[in-house]
Amino acid sequence: MAFTVFEALHGIEDDIVKKGGLRQPWEEPRRRIGELVANCIVLPFNETAAEIAAHVFPRLVPRLDRERRKRIWADIFIAATAVAHRYGLVSHNRKDFEAIADQLPGDQILYLAVWKP
């Protein structure tokens, strides 16, 4: 999913900025992400996903504490993309994805497999 790619690359770029622009330690992880993306189908965030996310946001986000609000927005986009394309999700973040699933419109279903490393 495009937002999963964003999250992975954002994590790298955020760490680079926090460490004063040191790119060296992140060359290998960035290369591995590139290889993974090149060998996968990256699902786009499309109009259907946008409609689903727009439905979930006002029903879920205002009820959350500030810290959870800061981290759940990307999960909403990821879940909306999965639902829009009729795919399931694998995550260790059961709490947030179940909260998102509870706010989906109409007959939409988020299939979630909980991954425990």
PDB file of N, CA and C in Angstrom:
ATOM      1  N   MET A   1       0.832  -1.172   0.000  1.00  0.00           N
ATOM      2  CA  MET A   1       0.000   0.000   0.000  1.00  0.00           C
ATOM      3  C   MET A   1       0.877   1.235   0.000  1.00  0.00           C
ATOM      4  N   ALA A   2       0.448   2.219  -0.709  1.00  0.00           N
ATOM      5  CA  ALA A   2       1.230   3.447  -0.823  1.00  0.00           C
ATOM      6  C   ALA A   2       1.500   4.064   0.546  1.00  0.00           C
ATOM      7  N   PHE A   3       0.525   4.008   1.454  1.00  0.00           N
ATOM      8  CA  PHE A   3       0.742   4.605   2.771  1.00  0.00           C
ATOM      9  C   PHE A   3       1.695   3.784   3.628  1.00  0.00           C
ATOM     10  N   THR A   4       1.784   2.499   3.412  1.00  0.00           N
ATOM     11  CA  THR A   4       2.759   1.671   4.113  1.00  0.00           C
ATOM     12  C   THR A   4       4.171   2.040   3.653  1.00  0.00           C
ATOM     13  N   VAL A   5       4.326   2.259   2.353  1.00  0.00           N
ATOM     14  CA  VAL A   5       5.616   2.712   1.813  1.00  0.00           C
ATOM     15  C   VAL A   5       5.968   4.063   2.429  1.00  0.00           C
ATOM     16  N   PHE A   6       4.974   4.957   2.482  1.00  0.00           N
ATOM     17  CA  PHE A   6       5.184   6.269   3.098  1.00  0.00           C
ATOM     18  C   PHE A   6       5.660   6.126   4.537  1.00  0.00           C
ATOM     19  N   GLU A   7       4.975   5.277   5.315  1.00  0.00           N
ATOM     20  CA  GLU A   7       5.349   5.108   6.724  1.00  0.00           C
ATOM     21  C   GLU A   7       6.791   4.627   6.872  1.00  0.00           C
ATOM     22  N   ALA A   8       7.177   3.664   6.068  1.00  0.00           N
ATOM     23  CA  ALA A   8       8.546   3.137   6.153  1.00  0.00           C
ATOM     24  C   ALA A   8       9.571   4.210   5.802  1.00  0.00           C
ATOM     25  N   LEU A   9       9.339   4.908   4.704  1.00  0.00           N
ATOM     26  CA  LEU A   9      10.293   5.946   4.284  1.00  0.00           C
ATOM     27  C   LEU A   9      10.256   7.153   5.212  1.00  0.00           C
ATOM     28  N   HIS A  10       9.078   7.489   5.717  1.00  0.00           N
ATOM     29  CA  HIS A  10       8.964   8.603   6.661  1.00  0.00           C
ATOM     30  C   HIS A  10       9.782   8.319   7.918  1.00  0.00           C
ATOM     31  N   GLY A  11       9.733   7.072   8.404  1.00  0.00           N
ATOM     32  CA  GLY A  11      10.515   6.712   9.586  1.00  0.00           C
ATOM     33  C   GLY A  11      12.003   6.933   9.372  1.00  0.00           C
ATOM     34  N   ILE A  12      12.470   6.565   8.203  1.00  0.00           N
ATOM     35  CA  ILE A  12      13.884   6.766   7.871  1.00  0.00           C
ATOM     36  C   ILE A  12      14.207   8.255   7.794  1.00  0.00           C
ATOM     37  N   GLU A  13      13.407   8.996   7.035  1.00  0.00           N
ATOM     38  CA  GLU A  13      13.668  10.435   6.870  1.00  0.00           C
ATOM     39  C   GLU A  13      13.567  11.184   8.190  1.00  0.00           C
ATOM     40  N   ASP A  14      12.623  10.799   9.030  1.00  0.00           N
ATOM     41  CA  ASP A  14      12.474  11.436  10.332  1.00  0.00           C
ATOM     42  C   ASP A  14      13.723  11.220  11.178  1.00  0.00           C
ATOM     43  N   ASP A  15      14.262  10.018  11.160  1.00  0.00           N
ATOM     44  CA  ASP A  15      15.475   9.732  11.920  1.00  0.00           C
ATOM     45  C   ASP A  15      16.674  10.489  11.349  1.00  0.00           C
ATOM     46  N   ILE A  16      16.740  10.594  10.034  1.00  0.00           N
ATOM     47  CA  ILE A  16      17.830  11.356   9.404  1.00  0.00           C
ATOM     48  C   ILE A  16      17.799  12.804   9.873  1.00  0.00           C
ATOM     49  N   VAL A  17      16.624  13.401   9.874  1.00  0.00           N
ATOM     50  CA  VAL A  17      16.491  14.797  10.304  1.00  0.00           C
ATOM     51  C   VAL A  17      16.860  14.938  11.786  1.00  0.00           C
ATOM     52  N   LYS A  18      16.378  14.023  12.617  1.00  0.00           N
ATOM     53  CA  LYS A  18      16.663  14.084  14.056  1.00  0.00           C
ATOM     54  C   LYS A  18      18.147  13.917  14.353  1.00  0.00           C
ATOM     55  N   LYS A  19      18.857  13.204  13.489  1.00  0.00           N
ATOM     56  CA  LYS A  19      20.288  12.971  13.703  1.00  0.00           C
ATOM     57  C   LYS A  19      21.151  13.923  12.891  1.00  0.00           C
ATOM     58  N   GLY A  20      20.569  15.030  12.476  1.00  0.00           N
ATOM     59  CA  GLY A  20      21.342  16.069  11.814  1.00  0.00           C
ATOM     60  C   GLY A  20      21.743  15.760  10.390  1.00  0.00           C
ATOM     61  N   GLY A  21      20.955  14.977   9.686  1.00  0.00           N
ATOM     62  CA  GLY A  21      21.210  14.712   8.280  1.00  0.00           C
ATOM     63  C   GLY A  21      22.142  13.553   7.998  1.00  0.00           C
ATOM     64  N   LEU A  22      22.395  12.706   8.982  1.00  0.00           N
ATOM     65  CA  LEU A  22      23.274  11.547   8.771  1.00  0.00           C
ATOM     66  C   LEU A  22      22.543  10.459   7.999  1.00  0.00           C
ATOM     67  N   ARG A  23      22.860  10.321   6.714  1.00  0.00           N
ATOM     68  CA  ARG A  23      22.179   9.351   5.851  1.00  0.00           C
ATOM     69  C   ARG A  23      22.818   7.965   5.865  1.00  0.00           C
ATOM     70  N   GLN A  24      24.089   7.893   6.188  1.00  0.00           N
ATOM     71  CA  GLN A  24      24.863   6.648   6.090  1.00  0.00           C
ATOM     72  C   GLN A  24      24.178   5.444   6.736  1.00  0.00           C
ATOM     73  N   PRO A  25      23.743   5.535   8.002  1.00  0.00           N
ATOM     74  CA  PRO A  25      23.181   4.328   8.618  1.00  0.00           C
ATOM     75  C   PRO A  25      21.866   3.869   7.970  1.00  0.00           C
ATOM     76  N   TRP A  26      21.275   4.705   7.151  1.00  0.00           N
ATOM     77  CA  TRP A  26      19.970   4.373   6.570  1.00  0.00           C
ATOM     78  C   TRP A  26      20.043   3.922   5.117  1.00  0.00           C
ATOM     79  N   GLU A  27      21.227   3.854   4.545  1.00  0.00           N
ATOM     80  CA  GLU A  27      21.348   3.440   3.142  1.00  0.00           C
ATOM     81  C   GLU A  27      20.859   2.008   2.923  1.00  0.00           C
ATOM     82  N   GLU A  28      21.245   1.087   3.801  1.00  0.00           N
ATOM     83  CA  GLU A  28      20.848  -0.317   3.654  1.00  0.00           C
ATOM     84  C   GLU A  28      19.338  -0.507   3.880  1.00  0.00           C
ATOM     85  N   PRO A  29      18.763   0.028   4.954  1.00  0.00           N
ATOM     86  CA  PRO A  29      17.309  -0.120   5.110  1.00  0.00           C
ATOM     87  C   PRO A  29      16.523   0.508   3.952  1.00  0.00           C
ATOM     88  N   ARG A  30      16.975   1.652   3.465  1.00  0.00           N
ATOM     89  CA  ARG A  30      16.298   2.297   2.326  1.00  0.00           C
ATOM     90  C   ARG A  30      16.378   1.403   1.080  1.00  0.00           C
ATOM     91  N   ARG A  31      17.536   0.785   0.856  1.00  0.00           N
ATOM     92  CA  ARG A  31      17.700  -0.113  -0.286  1.00  0.00           C
ATOM     93  C   ARG A  31      16.768  -1.316  -0.154  1.00  0.00           C
ATOM     94  N   ARG A  32      16.682  -1.885   1.061  1.00  0.00           N
ATOM     95  CA  ARG A  32      15.812  -3.048   1.281  1.00  0.00           C
ATOM     96  C   ARG A  32      14.336  -2.696   1.080  1.00  0.00           C
ATOM     97  N   ILE A  33      13.936  -1.529   1.516  1.00  0.00           N
ATOM     98  CA  ILE A  33      12.553  -1.083   1.279  1.00  0.00           C
ATOM     99  C   ILE A  33      12.308  -0.962  -0.216  1.00  0.00           C
ATOM    100  N   GLY A  34      13.260  -0.380  -0.932  1.00  0.00           N
ATOM    101  CA  GLY A  34      13.136  -0.257  -2.385  1.00  0.00           C
ATOM    102  C   GLY A  34      12.995  -1.601  -3.066  1.00  0.00           C
ATOM    103  N   GLU A  35      13.778  -2.590  -2.629  1.00  0.00           N
ATOM    104  CA  GLU A  35      13.679  -3.941  -3.195  1.00  0.00           C
ATOM    105  C   GLU A  35      12.322  -4.569  -2.905  1.00  0.00           C
ATOM    106  N   LEU A  36      11.848  -4.410  -1.689  1.00  0.00           N
ATOM    107  CA  LEU A  36      10.550  -4.966  -1.315  1.00  0.00           C
ATOM    108  C   LEU A  36       9.438  -4.341  -2.150  1.00  0.00           C
ATOM    109  N   VAL A  37       9.460  -3.031  -2.261  1.00  0.00           N
ATOM    110  CA  VAL A  37       8.433  -2.322  -3.032  1.00  0.00           C
ATOM    111  C   VAL A  37       8.480  -2.737  -4.502  1.00  0.00           C
ATOM    112  N   ALA A  38       9.675  -2.916  -5.036  1.00  0.00           N
ATOM    113  CA  ALA A  38       9.816  -3.310  -6.443  1.00  0.00           C
ATOM    114  C   ALA A  38       9.248  -4.699  -6.705  1.00  0.00           C
ATOM    115  N   ASN A  39       9.150  -5.520  -5.675  1.00  0.00           N
ATOM    116  CA  ASN A  39       8.657  -6.887  -5.826  1.00  0.00           C
ATOM    117  C   ASN A  39       7.235  -7.083  -5.301  1.00  0.00           C
ATOM    118  N   CYS A  40       6.553  -6.000  -5.047  1.00  0.00           N
ATOM    119  CA  CYS A  40       5.186  -6.062  -4.532  1.00  0.00           C
ATOM    120  C   CYS A  40       4.261  -5.210  -5.400  1.00  0.00           C
ATOM    121  N   ILE A  41       2.995  -5.450  -5.229  1.00  0.00           N
ATOM    122  CA  ILE A  41       1.998  -4.565  -5.825  1.00  0.00           C
ATOM    123  C   ILE A  41       1.698  -3.506  -4.776  1.00  0.00           C
ATOM    124  N   VAL A  42       1.940  -2.251  -5.108  1.00  0.00           N
ATOM    125  CA  VAL A  42       1.663  -1.162  -4.184  1.00  0.00           C
ATOM    126  C   VAL A  42       0.262  -0.641  -4.507  1.00  0.00           C
ATOM    127  N   LEU A  43      -0.650  -0.873  -3.578  1.00  0.00           N
ATOM    128  CA  LEU A  43      -2.036  -0.444  -3.791  1.00  0.00           C
ATOM    129  C   LEU A  43      -2.147   1.062  -3.639  1.00  0.00           C
ATOM    130  N   PRO A  44      -2.807   1.725  -4.567  1.00  0.00           N
ATOM    131  CA  PRO A  44      -2.938   3.180  -4.478  1.00  0.00           C
ATOM    132  C   PRO A  44      -4.028   3.602  -3.505  1.00  0.00           C
ATOM    133  N   PHE A  45      -3.858   4.757  -2.941  1.00  0.00           N
ATOM    134  CA  PHE A  45      -4.915   5.396  -2.161  1.00  0.00           C
ATOM    135  C   PHE A  45      -5.817   6.074  -3.184  1.00  0.00           C
ATOM    136  N   ASN A  46      -6.960   5.460  -3.459  1.00  0.00           N
ATOM    137  CA  ASN A  46      -7.819   5.937  -4.532  1.00  0.00           C
ATOM    138  C   ASN A  46      -9.059   6.646  -3.979  1.00  0.00           C
ATOM    139  N   GLU A  47     -10.000   6.969  -4.875  1.00  0.00           N
ATOM    140  CA  GLU A  47     -11.207   7.694  -4.472  1.00  0.00           C
ATOM    141  C   GLU A  47     -12.030   6.902  -3.458  1.00  0.00           C
ATOM    142  N   THR A  48     -12.143   5.602  -3.654  1.00  0.00           N
ATOM    143  CA  THR A  48     -12.907   4.779  -2.710  1.00  0.00           C
ATOM    144  C   THR A  48     -12.246   4.789  -1.340  1.00  0.00           C
ATOM    145  N   ALA A  49     -10.931   4.655  -1.304  1.00  0.00           N
ATOM    146  CA  ALA A  49     -10.203   4.708  -0.034  1.00  0.00           C
ATOM    147  C   ALA A  49     -10.383   6.070   0.625  1.00  0.00           C
ATOM    148  N   ALA A  50     -10.364   7.127  -0.173  1.00  0.00           N
ATOM    149  CA  ALA A  50     -10.565   8.478   0.367  1.00  0.00           C
ATOM    150  C   ALA A  50     -11.945   8.615   0.995  1.00  0.00           C
ATOM    151  N   GLU A  51     -12.964   8.051   0.353  1.00  0.00           N
ATOM    152  CA  GLU A  51     -14.321   8.107   0.901  1.00  0.00           C
ATOM    153  C   GLU A  51     -14.412   7.346   2.224  1.00  0.00           C
ATOM    154  N   ILE A  52     -13.770   6.194   2.282  1.00  0.00           N
ATOM    155  CA  ILE A  52     -13.781   5.396   3.516  1.00  0.00           C
ATOM    156  C   ILE A  52     -13.054   6.142   4.636  1.00  0.00           C
ATOM    157  N   ALA A  53     -11.873   6.662   4.345  1.00  0.00           N
ATOM    158  CA  ALA A  53     -11.110   7.406   5.354  1.00  0.00           C
ATOM    159  C   ALA A  53     -11.868   8.644   5.820  1.00  0.00           C
ATOM    160  N   ALA A  54     -12.518   9.326   4.885  1.00  0.00           N
ATOM    161  CA  ALA A  54     -13.294  10.527   5.242  1.00  0.00           C
ATOM    162  C   ALA A  54     -14.456  10.170   6.168  1.00  0.00           C
ATOM    163  N   HIS A  55     -15.012   8.992   6.004  1.00  0.00           N
ATOM    164  CA  HIS A  55     -16.092   8.525   6.873  1.00  0.00           C
ATOM    165  C   HIS A  55     -15.567   8.209   8.279  1.00  0.00           C
ATOM    166  N   VAL A  56     -14.412   7.564   8.353  1.00  0.00           N
ATOM    167  CA  VAL A  56     -13.862   7.115   9.637  1.00  0.00           C
ATOM    168  C   VAL A  56     -13.339   8.272  10.479  1.00  0.00           C
ATOM    169  N   PHE A  57     -12.606   9.198   9.870  1.00  0.00           N
ATOM    170  CA  PHE A  57     -11.932  10.270  10.625  1.00  0.00           C
ATOM    171  C   PHE A  57     -12.840  10.985  11.623  1.00  0.00           C
ATOM    172  N   PRO A  58     -13.948  11.598  11.196  1.00  0.00           N
ATOM    173  CA  PRO A  58     -14.734  12.369  12.157  1.00  0.00           C
ATOM    174  C   PRO A  58     -15.448  11.512  13.205  1.00  0.00           C
ATOM    175  N   ARG A  59     -15.560  10.238  12.958  1.00  0.00           N
ATOM    176  CA  ARG A  59     -16.216   9.339  13.906  1.00  0.00           C
ATOM    177  C   ARG A  59     -15.245   8.763  14.934  1.00  0.00           C
ATOM    178  N   LEU A  60     -13.975   8.752  14.608  1.00  0.00           N
ATOM    179  CA  LEU A  60     -12.987   8.121  15.480  1.00  0.00           C
ATOM    180  C   LEU A  60     -12.014   9.104  16.114  1.00  0.00           C
ATOM    181  N   VAL A  61     -11.410   9.943  15.321  1.00  0.00           N
ATOM    182  CA  VAL A  61     -10.294  10.774  15.795  1.00  0.00           C
ATOM    183  C   VAL A  61     -10.663  11.719  16.942  1.00  0.00           C
ATOM    184  N   PRO A  62     -11.804  12.409  16.911  1.00  0.00           N
ATOM    185  CA  PRO A  62     -12.104  13.326  18.024  1.00  0.00           C
ATOM    186  C   PRO A  62     -12.230  12.629  19.388  1.00  0.00           C
ATOM    187  N   ARG A  63     -12.484  11.341  19.400  1.00  0.00           N
ATOM    188  CA  ARG A  63     -12.657  10.607  20.663  1.00  0.00           C
ATOM    189  C   ARG A  63     -11.335  10.136  21.256  1.00  0.00           C
ATOM    190  N   LEU A  64     -10.243  10.325  20.539  1.00  0.00           N
ATOM    191  CA  LEU A  64      -8.946   9.798  20.981  1.00  0.00           C
ATOM    192  C   LEU A  64      -8.146  10.842  21.734  1.00  0.00           C
ATOM    193  N   ASP A  65      -7.241  10.358  22.594  1.00  0.00           N
ATOM    194  CA  ASP A  65      -6.334  11.289  23.262  1.00  0.00           C
ATOM    195  C   ASP A  65      -5.313  11.802  22.246  1.00  0.00           C
ATOM    196  N   ARG A  66      -4.646  12.872  22.596  1.00  0.00           N
ATOM    197  CA  ARG A  66      -3.738  13.555  21.669  1.00  0.00           C
ATOM    198  C   ARG A  66      -2.651  12.639  21.102  1.00  0.00           C
ATOM    199  N   GLU A  67      -2.053  11.827  21.955  1.00  0.00           N
ATOM    200  CA  GLU A  67      -0.967  10.946  21.512  1.00  0.00           C
ATOM    201  C   GLU A  67      -1.466   9.918  20.498  1.00  0.00           C
ATOM    202  N   ARG A  68      -2.615   9.348  20.768  1.00  0.00           N
ATOM    203  CA  ARG A  68      -3.157   8.348  19.843  1.00  0.00           C
ATOM    204  C   ARG A  68      -3.584   8.990  18.533  1.00  0.00           C
ATOM    205  N   ARG A  69      -4.105  10.214  18.578  1.00  0.00           N
ATOM    206  CA  ARG A  69      -4.471  10.942  17.356  1.00  0.00           C
ATOM    207  C   ARG A  69      -3.276  11.133  16.441  1.00  0.00           C
ATOM    208  N   LYS A  70      -2.113  11.411  17.038  1.00  0.00           N
ATOM    209  CA  LYS A  70      -0.904  11.671  16.253  1.00  0.00           C
ATOM    210  C   LYS A  70      -0.447  10.444  15.483  1.00  0.00           C
ATOM    211  N   ARG A  71      -0.757   9.252  15.983  1.00  0.00           N
ATOM    212  CA  ARG A  71      -0.249   8.057  15.311  1.00  0.00           C
ATOM    213  C   ARG A  71      -1.296   7.295  14.512  1.00  0.00           C
ATOM    214  N   ILE A  72      -2.585   7.542  14.720  1.00  0.00           N
ATOM    215  CA  ILE A  72      -3.598   6.711  14.079  1.00  0.00           C
ATOM    216  C   ILE A  72      -3.955   7.170  12.666  1.00  0.00           C
ATOM    217  N   TRP A  73      -3.642   8.404  12.312  1.00  0.00           N
ATOM    218  CA  TRP A  73      -4.089   8.908  11.002  1.00  0.00           C
ATOM    219  C   TRP A  73      -3.567   8.050   9.859  1.00  0.00           C
ATOM    220  N   ALA A  74      -2.297   7.635   9.918  1.00  0.00           N
ATOM    221  CA  ALA A  74      -1.760   6.805   8.832  1.00  0.00           C
ATOM    222  C   ALA A  74      -2.432   5.435   8.816  1.00  0.00           C
ATOM    223  N   ASP A  75      -2.753   4.899   9.989  1.00  0.00           N
ATOM    224  CA  ASP A  75      -3.445   3.609  10.053  1.00  0.00           C
ATOM    225  C   ASP A  75      -4.841   3.699   9.424  1.00  0.00           C
ATOM    226  N   ILE A  76      -5.483   4.836   9.561  1.00  0.00           N
ATOM    227  CA  ILE A  76      -6.797   5.026   8.922  1.00  0.00           C
ATOM    228  C   ILE A  76      -6.643   4.947   7.409  1.00  0.00           C
ATOM    229  N   PHE A  77      -5.618   5.589   6.861  1.00  0.00           N
ATOM    230  CA  PHE A  77      -5.387   5.540   5.415  1.00  0.00           C
ATOM    231  C   PHE A  77      -5.022   4.126   4.955  1.00  0.00           C
ATOM    232  N   ILE A  78      -4.231   3.430   5.751  1.00  0.00           N
ATOM    233  CA  ILE A  78      -3.851   2.056   5.409  1.00  0.00           C
ATOM    234  C   ILE A  78      -5.081   1.149   5.423  1.00  0.00           C
ATOM    235  N   ALA A  79      -5.879   1.242   6.477  1.00  0.00           N
ATOM    236  CA  ALA A  79      -7.088   0.420   6.564  1.00  0.00           C
ATOM    237  C   ALA A  79      -8.059   0.754   5.432  1.00  0.00           C
ATOM    238  N   ALA A  80      -8.238   2.027   5.149  1.00  0.00           N
ATOM    239  CA  ALA A  80      -9.153   2.438   4.067  1.00  0.00           C
ATOM    240  C   ALA A  80      -8.681   1.893   2.724  1.00  0.00           C
ATOM    241  N   THR A  81      -7.387   1.894   2.491  1.00  0.00           N
ATOM    242  CA  THR A  81      -6.836   1.356   1.245  1.00  0.00           C
ATOM    243  C   THR A  81      -7.090  -0.147   1.154  1.00  0.00           C
ATOM    244  N   ALA A  82      -6.852  -0.861   2.245  1.00  0.00           N
ATOM    245  CA  ALA A  82      -7.089  -2.312   2.253  1.00  0.00           C
ATOM    246  C   ALA A  82      -8.560  -2.624   1.987  1.00  0.00           C
ATOM    247  N   VAL A  83      -9.453  -1.916   2.650  1.00  0.00           N
ATOM    248  CA  VAL A  83     -10.889  -2.147   2.476  1.00  0.00           C
ATOM    249  C   VAL A  83     -11.314  -1.806   1.055  1.00  0.00           C
ATOM    250  N   ALA A  84     -10.838  -0.687   0.537  1.00  0.00           N
ATOM    251  CA  ALA A  84     -11.213  -0.255  -0.815  1.00  0.00           C
ATOM    252  C   ALA A  84     -10.808  -1.266  -1.878  1.00  0.00           C
ATOM    253  N   HIS A  85      -9.681  -1.922  -1.663  1.00  0.00           N
ATOM    254  CA  HIS A  85      -9.177  -2.899  -2.634  1.00  0.00           C
ATOM    255  C   HIS A  85      -9.558  -4.336  -2.274  1.00  0.00           C
ATOM    256  N   ARG A  86     -10.337  -4.487  -1.188  1.00  0.00           N
ATOM    257  CA  ARG A  86     -10.813  -5.797  -0.723  1.00  0.00           C
ATOM    258  C   ARG A  86      -9.668  -6.734  -0.333  1.00  0.00           C
ATOM    259  N   TYR A  87      -8.704  -6.162   0.361  1.00  0.00           N
ATOM    260  CA  TYR A  87      -7.588  -6.936   0.912  1.00  0.00           C
ATOM    261  C   TYR A  87      -7.693  -6.924   2.429  1.00  0.00           C
ATOM    262  N   GLY A  88      -7.004  -7.856   3.053  1.00  0.00           N
ATOM    263  CA  GLY A  88      -6.901  -7.866   4.502  1.00  0.00           C
ATOM    264  C   GLY A  88      -5.610  -7.197   4.939  1.00  0.00           C
ATOM    265  N   LEU A  89      -5.465  -7.060   6.238  1.00  0.00           N
ATOM    266  CA  LEU A  89      -4.280  -6.449   6.828  1.00  0.00           C
ATOM    267  C   LEU A  89      -3.653  -7.397   7.836  1.00  0.00           C
ATOM    268  N   VAL A  90      -2.349  -7.331   7.945  1.00  0.00           N
ATOM    269  CA  VAL A  90      -1.628  -8.032   8.994  1.00  0.00           C
ATOM    270  C   VAL A  90      -0.903  -6.970   9.807  1.00  0.00           C
ATOM    271  N   SER A  91      -1.134  -6.956  11.101  1.00  0.00           N
ATOM    272  CA  SER A  91      -0.519  -5.941  11.957  1.00  0.00           C
ATOM    273  C   SER A  91      -0.439  -6.461  13.384  1.00  0.00           C
ATOM    274  N   HIS A  92       0.468  -5.912  14.150  1.00  0.00           N
ATOM    275  CA  HIS A  92       0.490  -6.205  15.585  1.00  0.00           C
ATOM    276  C   HIS A  92      -0.338  -5.167  16.342  1.00  0.00           C
ATOM    277  N   ASN A  93      -0.838  -4.170  15.621  1.00  0.00           N
ATOM    278  CA  ASN A  93      -1.585  -3.063  16.215  1.00  0.00           C
ATOM    279  C   ASN A  93      -3.091  -3.355  16.214  1.00  0.00           C
ATOM    280  N   ARG A  94      -3.483  -4.331  16.969  1.00  0.00           N
ATOM    281  CA  ARG A  94      -4.887  -4.763  17.019  1.00  0.00           C
ATOM    282  C   ARG A  94      -5.810  -3.635  17.505  1.00  0.00           C
ATOM    283  N   LYS A  95      -5.435  -2.950  18.557  1.00  0.00           N
ATOM    284  CA  LYS A  95      -6.297  -1.944  19.192  1.00  0.00           C
ATOM    285  C   LYS A  95      -6.733  -0.863  18.200  1.00  0.00           C
ATOM    286  N   ASP A  96      -5.781  -0.266  17.498  1.00  0.00           N
ATOM    287  CA  ASP A  96      -6.127   0.825  16.582  1.00  0.00           C
ATOM    288  C   ASP A  96      -6.911   0.337  15.375  1.00  0.00           C
ATOM    289  N   PHE A  97      -6.504  -0.795  14.795  1.00  0.00           N
ATOM    290  CA  PHE A  97      -7.221  -1.278  13.614  1.00  0.00           C
ATOM    291  C   PHE A  97      -8.624  -1.776  13.953  1.00  0.00           C
ATOM    292  N   GLU A  98      -8.827  -2.319  15.135  1.00  0.00           N
ATOM    293  CA  GLU A  98     -10.187  -2.695  15.533  1.00  0.00           C
ATOM    294  C   GLU A  98     -11.054  -1.462  15.760  1.00  0.00           C
ATOM    295  N   ALA A  99     -10.472  -0.402  16.317  1.00  0.00           N
ATOM    296  CA  ALA A  99     -11.216   0.853  16.494  1.00  0.00           C
ATOM    297  C   ALA A  99     -11.604   1.438  15.136  1.00  0.00           C
ATOM    298  N   ILE A 100     -10.705   1.360  14.174  1.00  0.00           N
ATOM    299  CA  ILE A 100     -10.998   1.831  12.811  1.00  0.00           C
ATOM    300  C   ILE A 100     -12.095   0.979  12.197  1.00  0.00           C
ATOM    301  N   ALA A 101     -11.983  -0.340  12.337  1.00  0.00           N
ATOM    302  CA  ALA A 101     -12.976  -1.259  11.768  1.00  0.00           C
ATOM    303  C   ALA A 101     -14.375  -0.974  12.311  1.00  0.00           C
ATOM    304  N   ASP A 102     -14.461  -0.576  13.571  1.00  0.00           N
ATOM    305  CA  ASP A 102     -15.758  -0.272  14.187  1.00  0.00           C
ATOM    306  C   ASP A 102     -16.427   0.960  13.585  1.00  0.00           C
ATOM    307  N   GLN A 103     -15.664   1.780  12.878  1.00  0.00           N
ATOM    308  CA  GLN A 103     -16.208   3.026  12.320  1.00  0.00           C
ATOM    309  C   GLN A 103     -16.362   2.990  10.800  1.00  0.00           C
ATOM    310  N   LEU A 104     -16.145   1.851  10.186  1.00  0.00           N
ATOM    311  CA  LEU A 104     -16.265   1.755   8.729  1.00  0.00           C
ATOM    312  C   LEU A 104     -17.705   1.980   8.287  1.00  0.00           C
ATOM    313  N   PRO A 105     -17.880   2.529   7.096  1.00  0.00           N
ATOM    314  CA  PRO A 105     -19.238   2.764   6.601  1.00  0.00           C
ATOM    315  C   PRO A 105     -19.960   1.476   6.212  1.00  0.00           C
ATOM    316  N   GLY A 106     -21.262   1.484   6.427  1.00  0.00           N
ATOM    317  CA  GLY A 106     -22.154   0.447   5.943  1.00  0.00           C
ATOM    318  C   GLY A 106     -21.672  -0.973   6.062  1.00  0.00           C
ATOM    319  N   ASP A 107     -21.578  -1.624   4.920  1.00  0.00           N
ATOM    320  CA  ASP A 107     -21.234  -3.038   4.891  1.00  0.00           C
ATOM    321  C   ASP A 107     -19.744  -3.288   4.666  1.00  0.00           C
ATOM    322  N   GLN A 108     -18.912  -2.283   4.843  1.00  0.00           N
ATOM    323  CA  GLN A 108     -17.470  -2.440   4.656  1.00  0.00           C
ATOM    324  C   GLN A 108     -16.881  -3.260   5.804  1.00  0.00           C
ATOM    325  N   ILE A 109     -15.925  -4.122   5.471  1.00  0.00           N
ATOM    326  CA  ILE A 109     -15.300  -4.986   6.467  1.00  0.00           C
ATOM    327  C   ILE A 109     -13.778  -4.887   6.342  1.00  0.00           C
ATOM    328  N   LEU A 110     -13.130  -4.756   7.485  1.00  0.00           N
ATOM    329  CA  LEU A 110     -11.668  -4.809   7.525  1.00  0.00           C
ATOM    330  C   LEU A 110     -11.276  -6.189   8.036  1.00  0.00           C
ATOM    331  N   TYR A 111     -10.610  -6.953   7.194  1.00  0.00           N
ATOM    332  CA  TYR A 111     -10.105  -8.254   7.595  1.00  0.00           C
ATOM    333  C   TYR A 111      -8.731  -8.043   8.212  1.00  0.00           C
ATOM    334  N   LEU A 112      -8.592  -8.411   9.483  1.00  0.00           N
ATOM    335  CA  LEU A 112      -7.362  -8.151  10.209  1.00  0.00           C
ATOM    336  C   LEU A 112      -6.803  -9.435  10.808  1.00  0.00           C
ATOM    337  N   ALA A 113      -5.559  -9.708  10.483  1.00  0.00           N
ATOM    338  CA  ALA A 113      -4.831 -10.803  11.121  1.00  0.00           C
ATOM    339  C   ALA A 113      -3.818 -10.171  12.051  1.00  0.00           C
ATOM    340  N   VAL A 114      -3.824 -10.578  13.298  1.00  0.00           N
ATOM    341  CA  VAL A 114      -2.904  -9.997  14.276  1.00  0.00           C
ATOM    342  C   VAL A 114      -1.598 -10.772  14.242  1.00  0.00           C
ATOM    343  N   TRP A 115      -0.541 -10.046  13.980  1.00  0.00           N
ATOM    344  CA  TRP A 115       0.801 -10.605  13.872  1.00  0.00           C
ATOM    345  C   TRP A 115       1.522 -10.405  15.198  1.00  0.00           C
ATOM    346  N   LYS A 116       2.059 -11.475  15.722  1.00  0.00           N
ATOM    347  CA  LYS A 116       2.830 -11.389  16.959  1.00  0.00           C
ATOM    348  C   LYS A 116       4.257 -11.822  16.670  1.00  0.00           C
ATOM    349  N   PRO A 117       5.184 -10.861  16.660  1.00  0.00           N
ATOM    350  CA  PRO A 117       6.579 -11.199  16.337  1.00  0.00           C
ATOM    351  C   PRO A 117       7.202 -12.127  17.354  1.00  0.00           C
TER     352      PRO A 117
END
